[in-house]
Protein backbone atom coordinates (compact mmCIF):
# COMPACT_ATOMS: atom_id res chain seq x y z
CA MET A 1 27.99 -22.63 -9.02
CA GLU A 2 30.66 -20.94 -11.38
CA VAL A 3 31.83 -17.44 -10.15
CA LYS A 4 32.59 -15.01 -12.96
CA PRO A 5 36.13 -13.31 -12.77
CA GLY A 6 36.45 -10.51 -10.31
CA TYR A 7 33.81 -12.04 -7.95
CA LYS A 8 33.88 -14.29 -5.07
CA GLN A 9 31.60 -16.71 -3.17
CA THR A 10 31.02 -15.53 0.52
CA GLU A 11 28.44 -16.18 3.38
CA VAL A 12 26.26 -13.63 2.01
CA GLY A 13 26.59 -14.62 -1.61
CA VAL A 14 28.60 -13.67 -4.61
CA ILE A 15 30.34 -10.23 -4.32
CA PRO A 16 33.20 -8.44 -5.88
CA GLU A 17 36.70 -9.57 -4.86
CA ASP A 18 37.54 -6.22 -3.29
CA TRP A 19 34.46 -6.08 -1.22
CA GLU A 20 34.49 -7.58 2.40
CA VAL A 21 32.16 -8.94 4.72
CA ALA A 22 31.82 -7.80 8.33
CA PHE A 23 29.75 -8.49 11.25
CA VAL A 24 27.37 -5.55 12.29
CA GLU A 25 28.98 -5.16 15.67
CA ASP A 26 32.38 -4.53 14.03
CA ILE A 27 30.96 -1.62 12.01
CA ALA A 28 28.46 -0.14 14.29
CA HIS A 29 27.67 0.57 17.95
CA ILE A 30 24.53 -1.23 18.94
CA THR A 31 22.22 -0.14 22.01
CA THR A 32 18.72 0.54 22.86
CA GLY A 33 16.85 3.53 24.02
CA ALA A 34 15.59 4.39 27.56
CA LYS A 35 12.26 6.19 26.95
CA ASN A 36 8.80 4.65 27.43
CA THR A 37 5.78 5.12 24.92
CA GLN A 38 4.23 7.60 27.48
CA ASP A 39 7.03 10.05 27.09
CA ARG A 40 5.75 11.05 23.87
CA VAL A 41 4.45 14.54 23.43
CA ASP A 42 2.07 15.74 20.56
CA ASP A 43 3.84 18.12 18.32
CA GLY A 44 7.20 17.75 20.26
CA GLU A 45 10.46 19.09 18.92
CA TYR A 46 12.27 15.91 18.16
CA PRO A 47 11.53 12.52 16.44
CA PHE A 48 10.87 9.91 18.98
CA PHE A 49 11.24 6.32 17.67
CA VAL A 50 9.01 3.62 19.01
CA ARG A 51 8.17 0.12 18.07
CA SER A 52 6.23 1.30 14.97
CA GLN A 53 6.75 2.57 11.44
CA THR A 54 4.90 5.82 12.78
CA VAL A 55 7.54 8.14 14.36
CA GLU A 56 6.23 9.99 17.37
CA ARG A 57 7.43 13.39 18.67
CA ILE A 58 9.12 14.09 21.94
CA ASN A 59 10.55 17.39 23.53
CA SER A 60 13.98 15.57 24.61
CA TYR A 61 16.71 14.12 22.82
CA SER A 62 19.24 11.49 23.89
CA PHE A 63 21.14 11.15 20.54
CA ASP A 64 22.38 13.53 17.93
CA GLY A 65 23.89 11.98 14.84
CA GLU A 66 23.54 9.28 12.17
CA ALA A 67 21.61 6.04 13.24
CA VAL A 68 19.53 3.08 11.96
CA LEU A 69 16.58 1.86 14.14
CA THR A 70 14.58 -1.27 14.40
CA ALA A 71 11.89 -2.62 16.69
CA GLY A 72 13.17 -5.13 19.32
CA ASP A 73 9.71 -6.57 19.82
CA GLY A 74 5.91 -6.12 19.00
CA VAL A 75 4.20 -6.52 15.66
CA GLY A 76 6.86 -4.80 13.78
CA THR A 77 9.67 -7.03 14.78
CA GLY A 78 11.82 -7.57 11.63
CA LYS A 79 9.83 -5.22 9.60
CA VAL A 80 10.24 -1.62 11.10
CA PHE A 81 13.16 0.32 10.26
CA HIS A 82 14.29 3.95 10.25
CA TYR A 83 17.20 6.03 9.27
CA ILE A 84 18.00 9.46 10.70
CA ASN A 85 20.93 11.91 10.95
CA GLY A 86 20.13 14.45 13.62
CA LYS A 87 18.59 14.79 17.22
CA PHE A 88 16.16 12.16 18.30
CA ASP A 89 15.11 9.91 21.14
CA VAL A 90 14.34 6.10 21.23
CA HIS A 91 12.05 3.80 23.12
CA GLN A 92 13.74 1.26 25.32
CA ARG A 93 12.61 -1.63 23.11
CA VAL A 94 14.17 -0.25 19.91
CA TYR A 95 17.76 -0.90 18.82
CA ARG A 96 19.92 1.87 17.76
CA MET A 97 22.86 1.15 15.36
CA SER A 98 25.16 4.29 15.16
CA GLY A 99 28.87 5.29 15.16
CA PHE A 100 29.67 3.94 11.52
CA GLY A 101 32.84 5.90 11.27
CA GLU A 102 34.80 5.78 8.04
CA ARG A 103 34.48 2.13 7.33
CA ALA A 104 30.90 2.13 6.48
CA SER A 105 28.13 4.54 5.26
CA GLY A 106 25.06 4.69 7.54
CA TYR A 107 22.59 4.82 4.73
CA PHE A 108 24.42 2.09 2.89
CA PHE A 109 24.16 0.05 6.07
CA PHE A 110 20.29 1.03 6.36
CA LEU A 111 19.58 -0.14 2.90
CA TYR A 112 21.24 -3.53 3.23
CA PHE A 113 20.08 -4.13 6.82
CA SER A 114 16.48 -3.25 6.28
CA ASN A 115 16.22 -5.48 3.23
CA HIS A 116 17.86 -8.55 4.76
CA PHE A 117 17.36 -8.51 8.58
CA TYR A 118 14.09 -10.09 8.48
CA ALA A 119 15.18 -13.21 6.64
CA ARG A 120 18.09 -13.66 9.15
CA ILE A 121 15.74 -13.44 12.19
CA MET A 122 13.47 -16.09 10.36
CA GLN A 123 16.44 -18.36 9.97
CA MET A 124 17.07 -18.09 13.70
CA THR A 125 13.59 -19.33 14.92
CA ALA A 126 11.64 -22.40 14.46
CA LYS A 127 8.32 -20.44 14.65
CA SER A 128 6.32 -18.86 11.77
CA SER A 129 6.85 -15.41 13.36
CA VAL A 130 9.45 -13.83 15.62
CA ASP A 131 8.23 -12.13 18.94
CA SER A 132 11.40 -10.37 19.84
CA VAL A 133 14.98 -9.51 18.66
CA ARG A 134 18.02 -10.52 20.68
CA ARG A 135 21.10 -8.39 20.40
CA GLU A 136 23.18 -11.29 18.98
CA MET A 137 20.81 -11.36 16.06
CA ILE A 138 21.80 -7.89 14.95
CA ALA A 139 25.63 -8.00 16.22
CA ARG A 140 26.28 -11.43 14.41
CA MET A 141 24.64 -10.50 11.13
CA LYS A 142 27.04 -10.23 8.05
CA ILE A 143 27.15 -7.24 5.86
CA PRO A 144 28.93 -6.93 2.49
CA LEU A 145 30.90 -3.70 2.24
CA PRO A 146 32.45 -2.10 -0.88
CA PRO A 147 36.07 -1.22 -0.37
CA THR A 148 35.51 2.65 0.00
CA LYS A 149 33.02 4.71 1.87
CA ALA A 150 32.78 6.74 -1.39
CA GLU A 151 31.45 3.85 -3.24
CA GLN A 152 28.88 2.84 -0.50
CA GLU A 153 27.76 6.41 -0.48
CA ALA A 154 27.38 6.59 -4.48
CA ILE A 155 25.25 3.37 -4.02
CA ALA A 156 23.31 5.10 -1.24
CA ARG A 157 22.65 8.22 -3.39
CA ALA A 158 21.44 6.38 -6.39
CA LEU A 159 18.82 4.36 -4.29
CA SER A 160 18.06 7.48 -2.42
CA ASP A 161 17.24 9.20 -5.76
CA ALA A 162 14.98 6.24 -6.56
CA ASP A 163 13.29 6.64 -3.25
CA ALA A 164 12.61 10.23 -3.88
CA LEU A 165 11.02 9.41 -7.19
CA ILE A 166 8.79 6.99 -5.33
CA GLU A 167 7.90 9.48 -2.79
CA SER A 168 7.03 12.15 -5.32
CA LEU A 169 4.79 9.76 -7.06
CA GLU A 170 3.15 8.61 -3.89
CA GLN A 171 2.39 12.16 -3.12
CA LEU A 172 0.81 13.02 -6.48
CA VAL A 173 -1.39 9.91 -6.34
CA ALA A 174 -2.59 10.90 -3.08
CA LYS A 175 -3.22 14.49 -4.20
CA LYS A 176 -5.00 13.34 -7.35
CA ARG A 177 -7.11 11.11 -5.00
CA GLN A 178 -8.11 14.14 -2.86
CA ILE A 179 -8.82 16.03 -5.74
CA LYS A 180 -11.14 13.28 -7.34
CA HIS A 181 -12.76 12.90 -3.79
CA GLY A 182 -13.61 16.55 -3.86
CA ALA A 183 -14.89 16.59 -7.37
CA MET A 184 -17.19 13.66 -6.40
CA GLN A 185 -18.62 15.31 -3.41
CA GLN A 186 -19.47 18.37 -5.45
CA LEU A 187 -20.62 16.79 -8.82
CA LEU A 188 -22.48 13.89 -7.69
CA THR A 189 -24.61 16.06 -5.26
CA GLY A 190 -25.26 18.98 -7.51
CA GLN A 191 -23.11 21.44 -5.51
CA LYS A 192 -21.19 22.10 -8.72
CA ARG A 193 -22.59 21.79 -12.27
CA LEU A 194 -20.87 21.06 -15.44
CA PRO A 195 -21.04 23.89 -18.01
CA GLY A 196 -24.23 23.55 -20.11
CA PHE A 197 -26.43 21.70 -17.63
CA ILE A 198 -29.21 23.87 -15.85
CA GLY A 199 -32.08 21.43 -15.18
CA GLU A 200 -33.36 20.64 -11.71
CA TRP A 201 -32.16 17.37 -9.90
CA LYS A 202 -34.91 14.87 -8.82
CA VAL A 203 -35.06 12.98 -5.62
CA LYS A 204 -35.56 9.26 -6.66
CA ARG A 205 -35.09 6.00 -4.80
CA LEU A 206 -32.42 3.65 -6.04
CA GLY A 207 -35.29 1.14 -6.96
CA GLU A 208 -36.28 3.68 -9.61
CA LEU A 209 -32.82 3.85 -11.06
CA LEU A 210 -32.09 0.09 -11.09
CA THR A 211 -33.17 -3.43 -10.22
CA ILE A 212 -31.32 -5.33 -7.84
CA CYS A 213 -30.39 -8.97 -8.61
CA HIS A 214 -28.89 -11.88 -6.61
CA GLY A 215 -25.70 -13.55 -7.84
CA LYS A 216 -25.43 -17.14 -8.11
CA SER A 217 -23.51 -19.71 -6.35
CA GLN A 218 -19.98 -20.41 -7.55
CA ARG A 219 -20.84 -24.10 -7.90
CA ASP A 220 -23.00 -23.18 -10.81
CA VAL A 221 -20.05 -22.18 -12.94
CA GLU A 222 -17.06 -24.12 -13.88
CA ALA A 223 -13.92 -22.56 -12.25
CA VAL A 224 -11.38 -22.41 -15.23
CA ASP A 225 -9.08 -19.87 -16.79
CA GLY A 226 -11.90 -18.68 -18.90
CA PRO A 227 -12.58 -15.03 -20.16
CA TYR A 228 -15.11 -13.86 -17.67
CA PRO A 229 -14.21 -12.97 -14.11
CA VAL A 230 -16.18 -14.37 -11.07
CA LEU A 231 -16.76 -11.61 -8.76
CA ALA A 232 -17.29 -11.67 -4.74
CA SER A 233 -17.73 -8.88 -2.41
CA SER A 234 -13.72 -8.55 -2.25
CA GLY A 235 -13.45 -8.53 -5.87
CA GLU A 236 -12.34 -10.98 -8.71
CA ILE A 237 -11.75 -14.43 -7.09
CA SER A 238 -11.55 -16.67 -10.19
CA ARG A 239 -12.26 -16.86 -14.08
CA ALA A 240 -15.25 -18.67 -15.77
CA ASN A 241 -16.00 -19.92 -19.13
CA ARG A 242 -19.57 -18.29 -19.17
CA PHE A 243 -21.19 -15.07 -17.73
CA LEU A 244 -24.20 -14.19 -15.79
CA TYR A 245 -24.70 -10.66 -17.04
CA ASP A 246 -23.22 -8.70 -19.71
CA LYS A 247 -24.38 -5.17 -19.38
CA PRO A 248 -22.74 -2.20 -17.31
CA SER A 249 -23.54 -2.86 -13.86
CA VAL A 250 -22.95 -1.60 -10.29
CA LEU A 251 -22.25 -4.47 -7.68
CA ILE A 252 -22.48 -4.13 -3.93
CA GLY A 253 -21.77 -6.91 -1.17
CA ARG A 254 -24.92 -8.75 0.07
CA LYS A 255 -22.97 -10.19 2.76
CA GLY A 256 -19.45 -9.73 4.42
CA THR A 257 -17.96 -6.84 2.66
CA ILE A 258 -20.84 -4.47 2.25
CA ASP A 259 -18.94 -1.16 1.73
CA ARG A 260 -17.13 -1.65 -1.57
CA PRO A 261 -18.97 -1.04 -4.53
CA GLN A 262 -17.62 -2.35 -7.95
CA PHE A 263 -18.11 -1.41 -11.43
CA MET A 264 -18.25 -3.72 -14.30
CA GLU A 265 -18.81 -2.86 -18.10
CA THR A 266 -17.86 -6.24 -19.66
CA PRO A 267 -19.61 -9.53 -19.02
CA PHE A 268 -19.06 -11.08 -15.56
CA TRP A 269 -20.23 -13.84 -13.19
CA SER A 270 -21.46 -12.64 -9.73
CA VAL A 271 -21.61 -15.09 -6.63
CA ASP A 272 -24.42 -15.32 -4.22
CA THR A 273 -22.86 -13.02 -1.66
CA LEU A 274 -22.90 -10.06 -4.21
CA PHE A 275 -25.88 -8.21 -5.72
CA TYR A 276 -25.65 -6.77 -9.20
CA SER A 277 -27.95 -4.33 -10.78
CA VAL A 278 -29.79 -3.87 -13.99
CA VAL A 279 -29.58 -0.06 -14.30
CA LEU A 280 -32.59 1.35 -15.91
CA PRO A 281 -32.60 3.78 -18.85
CA PRO A 282 -31.81 6.72 -19.33
CA ASN A 283 -29.65 6.36 -16.10
CA ASN A 284 -25.79 5.99 -16.51
CA ALA A 285 -24.50 2.90 -15.00
CA ARG A 286 -21.00 4.64 -14.07
CA PHE A 287 -22.81 7.62 -12.61
CA ILE A 288 -24.71 5.21 -10.22
CA PHE A 289 -21.47 3.52 -9.29
CA PHE A 290 -19.67 6.73 -8.26
CA ARG A 291 -22.94 7.85 -6.29
CA PHE A 292 -22.82 4.29 -4.66
CA CYS A 293 -19.40 5.27 -3.57
CA LEU A 294 -20.47 8.16 -1.49
CA ILE A 295 -23.16 6.10 0.39
CA GLU A 296 -22.26 5.10 4.12
CA TRP A 297 -23.31 1.48 3.49
CA ARG A 298 -22.57 0.14 7.05
CA GLN A 299 -25.34 2.32 8.21
CA TYR A 300 -27.74 0.08 6.49
CA ASN A 301 -26.33 -3.09 7.96
CA GLU A 302 -29.07 -5.44 8.95
CA ALA A 303 -27.23 -8.22 10.99
CA SER A 304 -25.54 -8.19 14.43
CA GLY A 305 -22.78 -10.82 13.17
CA VAL A 306 -21.69 -10.93 9.51
CA PRO A 307 -22.51 -7.47 7.95
CA SER A 308 -25.37 -7.92 5.44
CA LEU A 309 -27.56 -5.77 3.07
CA ASN A 310 -31.16 -6.34 1.93
CA ALA A 311 -32.20 -5.50 -1.50
CA ARG A 312 -35.35 -3.70 -0.42
CA THR A 313 -33.43 -1.65 1.90
CA ILE A 314 -30.93 -0.70 -1.04
CA GLU A 315 -34.03 -0.01 -3.41
CA GLY A 316 -35.46 2.34 -0.79
CA ILE A 317 -32.40 4.76 -0.38
CA GLU A 318 -33.15 8.21 -1.86
CA ILE A 319 -30.53 10.31 -3.73
CA ARG A 320 -30.77 13.43 -5.92
CA VAL A 321 -29.91 12.58 -9.67
CA PRO A 322 -29.93 14.98 -12.91
CA GLY A 323 -31.23 13.81 -16.22
CA GLY A 324 -29.29 10.99 -18.14
CA ASP A 325 -27.19 13.39 -20.35
CA GLU A 326 -25.69 15.02 -17.34
CA GLN A 327 -25.13 11.74 -15.60
CA SER A 328 -22.94 10.54 -18.54
CA ALA A 329 -21.03 13.80 -18.55
CA ILE A 330 -20.33 13.70 -14.76
CA ALA A 331 -19.36 9.97 -15.11
CA THR A 332 -17.06 10.85 -17.85
CA VAL A 333 -15.32 13.52 -15.85
CA LEU A 334 -14.71 11.13 -12.97
CA ALA A 335 -13.59 8.22 -15.21
CA ASP A 336 -11.01 10.39 -16.74
CA MET A 337 -9.68 11.21 -13.27
CA ASP A 338 -9.63 7.42 -12.57
CA ALA A 339 -7.69 6.76 -15.49
CA GLU A 340 -5.17 9.47 -14.62
CA ILE A 341 -4.85 8.07 -11.21
CA ALA A 342 -4.20 4.48 -12.60
CA GLY A 343 -1.67 5.74 -14.94
CA LEU A 344 0.37 7.29 -12.04
CA GLU A 345 -0.27 4.08 -10.06
CA SER A 346 1.37 2.21 -12.82
CA LYS A 347 4.23 4.31 -12.87
CA LEU A 348 4.73 4.10 -8.98
CA ALA A 349 4.58 0.27 -9.28
CA LYS A 350 7.11 0.51 -12.05
CA ALA A 351 9.32 2.89 -10.12
CA ARG A 352 9.14 0.37 -7.25
CA GLN A 353 10.20 -2.40 -9.30
CA VAL A 354 13.01 -0.50 -10.77
CA LYS A 355 14.21 0.37 -7.29
CA GLN A 356 14.01 -3.20 -6.19
CA GLY A 357 16.12 -4.32 -9.10
CA MET A 358 18.45 -1.58 -8.42
CA MET A 359 18.99 -2.74 -4.83
CA GLN A 360 19.54 -6.38 -5.77
CA GLU A 361 22.32 -5.27 -8.28
CA LEU A 362 23.97 -2.40 -6.40
CA LEU A 363 23.86 -3.89 -2.72
CA THR A 364 25.58 -7.14 -4.23
CA GLY A 365 28.19 -5.45 -6.51
CA ARG A 366 26.82 -6.97 -9.60
CA ILE A 367 26.64 -3.25 -10.89
CA ARG A 368 29.76 -0.93 -9.73
CA LEU A 369 29.24 2.77 -9.44
CA VAL A 370 32.97 3.35 -9.58
């Protein structure tokens, strides 16, 4: 492969000519902690790093400074990473890398190590998964380093800013979901009324609001890249060239996943492990869907093995409902909230993609921050 001027081919790929390749053991001190899981303390004063992405708390600290940590064994092997600069303690099966000095930025090291270590340990095992990490796997891993700590820190700051944007979007999405959940609890039960609506809500069985229909076997429809989704209890599983039903409908699992309602307002095919509903006028299908989302469906499970629902059981469930106009108004409010959340989730996905691209460019020197 031709290497463009100013770059060189190395064991870690193509990097700028003035970058070096170093072993982890040459730029960091590697050790493990000495604590056990039972040493954790709820609401403890200091972070306590165990073999999980969850950071526990403890009232003692054995280390004070900058460090990168990773699980030495357990389900998080090769996938759990932490960065800290301060007082903390560590589980005896968690590796701590510290003492970076002037040669390496700890956060730059964290960014590269956390994105490449899993691939390294998978190369060193013949199994499909790895049970534990040997010190050598970390110590002899090669890291590309920009020539100055200032350049490393500039890269780290750029990626840290990207992380901050992602975190802020994650928090905003979580907040909007909480707001929507609260609005559902109030609007769908009549605790809060929208302006202009004053009529009494009536108690009705779901069977008075809709008719439950069985889906059909997937074998009855050709699985092609057609215009219509084929829906199972877990969501879309393929596409079809014809549809089973073409009116707005609420769907719920008949077997397997019975607690994940779905809403479709365009034509679809429903497999036989899924119920779909014909919503009777003047009821609003989207209102019924949001109301389905408040029902604890597992309490209606009728099987000791694979969870299952019975159509008659569903039709016998009683809920309070307003008139059709108020149903439509409530559904519009909640649908607008869904649209806002979807827009934020799209921004979040884009921010994650941008950060991933930045990492590929900055951590290999394809783009220089000098």
